[in-house]
Amino acid sequence: MNDQLKWFKSSYSDDEGGNCVEVAFASAIHVRDSKLSASPELHVTAPAWVAFVSAVQPGA
């Protein structure tokens, strides 16, 4: 895990342990579950991230 990354919590996350996804942007896009203290990270390329976000948009 990279301690140098600045993580952003999803706006859909709450303080009660539900839906906790964090993302960090660097040379790759890093995604992790913030509920786990040592969560594994998913690393994807910027084009893959754009395709994913586009695909999950309402009406897509």
PDB file of N, CA and C in Angstrom:
ATOM      1  N   MET A   1       0.843  -1.170   0.000  1.00  0.00           N
ATOM      2  CA  MET A   1       0.000   0.000   0.000  1.00  0.00           C
ATOM      3  C   MET A   1       0.894   1.240   0.000  1.00  0.00           C
ATOM      4  N   ASN A   2       0.522   2.255  -0.739  1.00  0.00           N
ATOM      5  CA  ASN A   2       1.328   3.455  -0.870  1.00  0.00           C
ATOM      6  C   ASN A   2       0.837   4.534   0.086  1.00  0.00           C
ATOM      7  N   ASP A   3       1.656   4.884   1.089  1.00  0.00           N
ATOM      8  CA  ASP A   3       1.279   5.905   2.069  1.00  0.00           C
ATOM      9  C   ASP A   3       1.362   7.309   1.501  1.00  0.00           C
ATOM     10  N   GLN A   4       1.928   7.468   0.314  1.00  0.00           N
ATOM     11  CA  GLN A   4       2.075   8.774  -0.308  1.00  0.00           C
ATOM     12  C   GLN A   4       0.798   9.220  -1.027  1.00  0.00           C
ATOM     13  N   LEU A   5      -0.133   8.324  -1.240  1.00  0.00           N
ATOM     14  CA  LEU A   5      -1.346   8.651  -1.991  1.00  0.00           C
ATOM     15  C   LEU A   5      -2.317   9.461  -1.158  1.00  0.00           C
ATOM     16  N   LYS A   6      -3.044  10.349  -1.814  1.00  0.00           N
ATOM     17  CA  LYS A   6      -4.117  11.099  -1.156  1.00  0.00           C
ATOM     18  C   LYS A   6      -5.434  10.421  -1.529  1.00  0.00           C
ATOM     19  N   TRP A   7      -6.081   9.800  -0.549  1.00  0.00           N
ATOM     20  CA  TRP A   7      -7.290   9.024  -0.770  1.00  0.00           C
ATOM     21  C   TRP A   7      -8.534   9.898  -0.623  1.00  0.00           C
ATOM     22  N   PHE A   8      -9.523   9.648  -1.475  1.00  0.00           N
ATOM     23  CA  PHE A   8     -10.805  10.342  -1.439  1.00  0.00           C
ATOM     24  C   PHE A   8     -11.896   9.317  -1.200  1.00  0.00           C
ATOM     25  N   LYS A   9     -12.732   9.541  -0.207  1.00  0.00           N
ATOM     26  CA  LYS A   9     -13.834   8.620   0.084  1.00  0.00           C
ATOM     27  C   LYS A   9     -15.022   8.946  -0.812  1.00  0.00           C
ATOM     28  N   SER A  10     -15.717   7.930  -1.249  1.00  0.00           N
ATOM     29  CA  SER A  10     -16.904   8.105  -2.069  1.00  0.00           C
ATOM     30  C   SER A  10     -17.932   8.977  -1.362  1.00  0.00           C
ATOM     31  N   SER A  11     -18.612   9.813  -2.113  1.00  0.00           N
ATOM     32  CA  SER A  11     -19.671  10.651  -1.537  1.00  0.00           C
ATOM     33  C   SER A  11     -20.852   9.805  -1.083  1.00  0.00           C
ATOM     34  N   TYR A  12     -20.911   8.541  -1.515  1.00  0.00           N
ATOM     35  CA  TYR A  12     -21.977   7.636  -1.101  1.00  0.00           C
ATOM     36  C   TYR A  12     -21.633   6.894   0.188  1.00  0.00           C
ATOM     37  N   SER A  13     -20.395   7.045   0.677  1.00  0.00           N
ATOM     38  CA  SER A  13     -19.986   6.383   1.915  1.00  0.00           C
ATOM     39  C   SER A  13     -20.638   7.074   3.104  1.00  0.00           C
ATOM     40  N   ASP A  14     -20.848   6.310   4.162  1.00  0.00           N
ATOM     41  CA  ASP A  14     -21.411   6.892   5.373  1.00  0.00           C
ATOM     42  C   ASP A  14     -20.500   6.595   6.555  1.00  0.00           C
ATOM     43  N   ASP A  15     -20.813   7.126   7.711  1.00  0.00           N
ATOM     44  CA  ASP A  15     -19.994   6.927   8.905  1.00  0.00           C
ATOM     45  C   ASP A  15     -20.365   5.679   9.687  1.00  0.00           C
ATOM     46  N   GLU A  16     -21.262   4.859   9.168  1.00  0.00           N
ATOM     47  CA  GLU A  16     -21.728   3.670   9.870  1.00  0.00           C
ATOM     48  C   GLU A  16     -21.195   2.380   9.251  1.00  0.00           C
ATOM     49  N   GLY A  17     -20.145   2.484   8.444  1.00  0.00           N
ATOM     50  CA  GLY A  17     -19.500   1.293   7.909  1.00  0.00           C
ATOM     51  C   GLY A  17     -20.047   0.793   6.589  1.00  0.00           C
ATOM     52  N   GLY A  18     -20.940   1.522   5.953  1.00  0.00           N
ATOM     53  CA  GLY A  18     -21.500   1.061   4.689  1.00  0.00           C
ATOM     54  C   GLY A  18     -20.912   1.770   3.481  1.00  0.00           C
ATOM     55  N   ASN A  19     -20.794   1.049   2.393  1.00  0.00           N
ATOM     56  CA  ASN A  19     -20.406   1.615   1.102  1.00  0.00           C
ATOM     57  C   ASN A  19     -19.143   2.462   1.150  1.00  0.00           C
ATOM     58  N   CYS A  20     -18.095   1.958   1.748  1.00  0.00           N
ATOM     59  CA  CYS A  20     -16.865   2.745   1.916  1.00  0.00           C
ATOM     60  C   CYS A  20     -15.845   2.408   0.839  1.00  0.00           C
ATOM     61  N   VAL A  21     -15.835   3.210  -0.200  1.00  0.00           N
ATOM     62  CA  VAL A  21     -14.866   3.053  -1.276  1.00  0.00           C
ATOM     63  C   VAL A  21     -14.021   4.313  -1.318  1.00  0.00           C
ATOM     64  N   GLU A  22     -12.703   4.120  -1.416  1.00  0.00           N
ATOM     65  CA  GLU A  22     -11.789   5.244  -1.537  1.00  0.00           C
ATOM     66  C   GLU A  22     -11.013   5.118  -2.836  1.00  0.00           C
ATOM     67  N   VAL A  23     -10.681   6.266  -3.418  1.00  0.00           N
ATOM     68  CA  VAL A  23      -9.942   6.318  -4.675  1.00  0.00           C
ATOM     69  C   VAL A  23      -8.786   7.286  -4.517  1.00  0.00           C
ATOM     70  N   ALA A  24      -7.648   6.950  -5.105  1.00  0.00           N
ATOM     71  CA  ALA A  24      -6.493   7.849  -5.163  1.00  0.00           C
ATOM     72  C   ALA A  24      -6.026   7.908  -6.615  1.00  0.00           C
ATOM     73  N   PHE A  25      -5.658   9.101  -7.035  1.00  0.00           N
ATOM     74  CA  PHE A  25      -5.220   9.308  -8.416  1.00  0.00           C
ATOM     75  C   PHE A  25      -3.723   9.553  -8.439  1.00  0.00           C
ATOM     76  N   ALA A  26      -3.007   8.769  -9.221  1.00  0.00           N
ATOM     77  CA  ALA A  26      -1.562   8.905  -9.398  1.00  0.00           C
ATOM     78  C   ALA A  26      -1.259   8.485 -10.831  1.00  0.00           C
ATOM     79  N   SER A  27      -0.149   7.793 -11.062  1.00  0.00           N
ATOM     80  CA  SER A  27       0.143   7.298 -12.408  1.00  0.00           C
ATOM     81  C   SER A  27      -0.881   6.238 -12.818  1.00  0.00           C
ATOM     82  N   ALA A  28      -1.506   5.608 -11.827  1.00  0.00           N
ATOM     83  CA  ALA A  28      -2.625   4.686 -12.031  1.00  0.00           C
ATOM     84  C   ALA A  28      -3.727   5.127 -11.073  1.00  0.00           C
ATOM     85  N   ILE A  29      -4.908   4.609 -11.262  1.00  0.00           N
ATOM     86  CA  ILE A  29      -6.017   4.880 -10.359  1.00  0.00           C
ATOM     87  C   ILE A  29      -6.034   3.757  -9.327  1.00  0.00           C
ATOM     88  N   HIS A  30      -6.057   4.110  -8.049  1.00  0.00           N
ATOM     89  CA  HIS A  30      -6.034   3.145  -6.953  1.00  0.00           C
ATOM     90  C   HIS A  30      -7.406   3.152  -6.286  1.00  0.00           C
ATOM     91  N   VAL A  31      -7.956   1.978  -6.053  1.00  0.00           N
ATOM     92  CA  VAL A  31      -9.270   1.842  -5.429  1.00  0.00           C
ATOM     93  C   VAL A  31      -9.132   0.859  -4.271  1.00  0.00           C
ATOM     94  N   ARG A  32      -9.757   1.190  -3.117  1.00  0.00           N
ATOM     95  CA  ARG A  32      -9.699   0.284  -1.972  1.00  0.00           C
ATOM     96  C   ARG A  32     -10.971   0.394  -1.149  1.00  0.00           C
ATOM     97  N   ASP A  33     -11.165  -0.581  -0.289  1.00  0.00           N
ATOM     98  CA  ASP A  33     -12.273  -0.616   0.664  1.00  0.00           C
ATOM     99  C   ASP A  33     -11.770  -0.017   1.964  1.00  0.00           C
ATOM    100  N   SER A  34     -12.314   1.123   2.369  1.00  0.00           N
ATOM    101  CA  SER A  34     -11.808   1.802   3.556  1.00  0.00           C
ATOM    102  C   SER A  34     -12.255   1.152   4.860  1.00  0.00           C
ATOM    103  N   LYS A  35     -13.179   0.190   4.793  1.00  0.00           N
ATOM    104  CA  LYS A  35     -13.636  -0.486   6.015  1.00  0.00           C
ATOM    105  C   LYS A  35     -12.581  -1.444   6.557  1.00  0.00           C
ATOM    106  N   LEU A  36     -11.646  -1.864   5.707  1.00  0.00           N
ATOM    107  CA  LEU A  36     -10.608  -2.823   6.103  1.00  0.00           C
ATOM    108  C   LEU A  36      -9.310  -2.082   6.374  1.00  0.00           C
ATOM    109  N   SER A  37      -8.684  -2.341   7.508  1.00  0.00           N
ATOM    110  CA  SER A  37      -7.471  -1.610   7.871  1.00  0.00           C
ATOM    111  C   SER A  37      -6.318  -1.872   6.906  1.00  0.00           C
ATOM    112  N   ALA A  38      -6.246  -3.043   6.353  1.00  0.00           N
ATOM    113  CA  ALA A  38      -5.195  -3.380   5.390  1.00  0.00           C
ATOM    114  C   ALA A  38      -5.823  -3.837   4.080  1.00  0.00           C
ATOM    115  N   SER A  39      -6.691  -3.019   3.563  1.00  0.00           N
ATOM    116  CA  SER A  39      -7.425  -3.375   2.352  1.00  0.00           C
ATOM    117  C   SER A  39      -6.499  -3.529   1.153  1.00  0.00           C
ATOM    118  N   PRO A  40      -6.709  -4.581   0.366  1.00  0.00           N
ATOM    119  CA  PRO A  40      -5.968  -4.676  -0.893  1.00  0.00           C
ATOM    120  C   PRO A  40      -6.435  -3.556  -1.814  1.00  0.00           C
ATOM    121  N   GLU A  41      -5.562  -3.150  -2.713  1.00  0.00           N
ATOM    122  CA  GLU A  41      -5.890  -2.085  -3.651  1.00  0.00           C
ATOM    123  C   GLU A  41      -6.034  -2.646  -5.054  1.00  0.00           C
ATOM    124  N   LEU A  42      -6.973  -2.080  -5.777  1.00  0.00           N
ATOM    125  CA  LEU A  42      -7.126  -2.359  -7.201  1.00  0.00           C
ATOM    126  C   LEU A  42      -6.477  -1.200  -7.931  1.00  0.00           C
ATOM    127  N   HIS A  43      -5.584  -1.494  -8.868  1.00  0.00           N
ATOM    128  CA  HIS A  43      -4.917  -0.449  -9.644  1.00  0.00           C
ATOM    129  C   HIS A  43      -5.372  -0.588 -11.093  1.00  0.00           C
ATOM    130  N   VAL A  44      -5.835   0.504 -11.689  1.00  0.00           N
ATOM    131  CA  VAL A  44      -6.265   0.491 -13.089  1.00  0.00           C
ATOM    132  C   VAL A  44      -5.684   1.703 -13.800  1.00  0.00           C
ATOM    133  N   THR A  45      -5.613   1.620 -15.117  1.00  0.00           N
ATOM    134  CA  THR A  45      -5.132   2.747 -15.910  1.00  0.00           C
ATOM    135  C   THR A  45      -6.207   3.826 -15.986  1.00  0.00           C
ATOM    136  N   ALA A  46      -5.791   5.036 -16.307  1.00  0.00           N
ATOM    137  CA  ALA A  46      -6.747   6.136 -16.443  1.00  0.00           C
ATOM    138  C   ALA A  46      -7.823   5.832 -17.500  1.00  0.00           C
ATOM    139  N   PRO A  47      -7.481   5.323 -18.685  1.00  0.00           N
ATOM    140  CA  PRO A  47      -8.532   5.005 -19.659  1.00  0.00           C
ATOM    141  C   PRO A  47      -9.518   3.940 -19.151  1.00  0.00           C
ATOM    142  N   ALA A  48      -9.015   2.950 -18.406  1.00  0.00           N
ATOM    143  CA  ALA A  48      -9.906   1.920 -17.853  1.00  0.00           C
ATOM    144  C   ALA A  48     -10.841   2.534 -16.815  1.00  0.00           C
ATOM    145  N   TRP A  49     -10.334   3.463 -16.006  1.00  0.00           N
ATOM    146  CA  TRP A  49     -11.161   4.130 -14.995  1.00  0.00           C
ATOM    147  C   TRP A  49     -12.258   4.957 -15.676  1.00  0.00           C
ATOM    148  N   VAL A  50     -11.905   5.706 -16.706  1.00  0.00           N
ATOM    149  CA  VAL A  50     -12.889   6.516 -17.434  1.00  0.00           C
ATOM    150  C   VAL A  50     -13.971   5.610 -18.031  1.00  0.00           C
ATOM    151  N   ALA A  51     -13.579   4.492 -18.598  1.00  0.00           N
ATOM    152  CA  ALA A  51     -14.555   3.552 -19.166  1.00  0.00           C
ATOM    153  C   ALA A  51     -15.469   3.003 -18.077  1.00  0.00           C
ATOM    154  N   PHE A  52     -14.912   2.662 -16.918  1.00  0.00           N
ATOM    155  CA  PHE A  52     -15.714   2.141 -15.800  1.00  0.00           C
ATOM    156  C   PHE A  52     -16.714   3.184 -15.309  1.00  0.00           C
ATOM    157  N   VAL A  53     -16.225   4.389 -15.042  1.00  0.00           N
ATOM    158  CA  VAL A  53     -17.116   5.452 -14.532  1.00  0.00           C
ATOM    159  C   VAL A  53     -18.202   5.772 -15.553  1.00  0.00           C
ATOM    160  N   SER A  54     -17.862   5.799 -16.824  1.00  0.00           N
ATOM    161  CA  SER A  54     -18.862   6.055 -17.874  1.00  0.00           C
ATOM    162  C   SER A  54     -19.922   4.960 -17.906  1.00  0.00           C
ATOM    163  N   ALA A  55     -19.498   3.722 -17.711  1.00  0.00           N
ATOM    164  CA  ALA A  55     -20.412   2.591 -17.781  1.00  0.00           C
ATOM    165  C   ALA A  55     -21.386   2.541 -16.595  1.00  0.00           C
ATOM    166  N   VAL A  56     -20.994   3.071 -15.447  1.00  0.00           N
ATOM    167  CA  VAL A  56     -21.867   3.000 -14.269  1.00  0.00           C
ATOM    168  C   VAL A  56     -22.698   4.265 -14.071  1.00  0.00           C
ATOM    169  N   GLN A  57     -22.570   5.229 -14.967  1.00  0.00           N
ATOM    170  CA  GLN A  57     -23.382   6.439 -14.881  1.00  0.00           C
ATOM    171  C   GLN A  57     -24.850   6.085 -15.154  1.00  0.00           C
ATOM    172  N   PRO A  58     -25.772   6.732 -14.431  1.00  0.00           N
ATOM    173  CA  PRO A  58     -27.195   6.488 -14.706  1.00  0.00           C
ATOM    174  C   PRO A  58     -27.526   6.765 -16.168  1.00  0.00           C
ATOM    175  N   GLY A  59     -28.266   5.858 -16.754  1.00  0.00           N
ATOM    176  CA  GLY A  59     -28.667   6.003 -18.144  1.00  0.00           C
ATOM    177  C   GLY A  59     -27.643   5.527 -19.144  1.00  0.00           C
ATOM    178  N   ALA A  60     -26.505   5.003 -18.665  1.00  0.00           N
ATOM    179  CA  ALA A  60     -25.456   4.552 -19.584  1.00  0.00           C
ATOM    180  C   ALA A  60     -25.765   3.154 -20.081  1.00  0.00           C
TER     181      ALA A  60
END
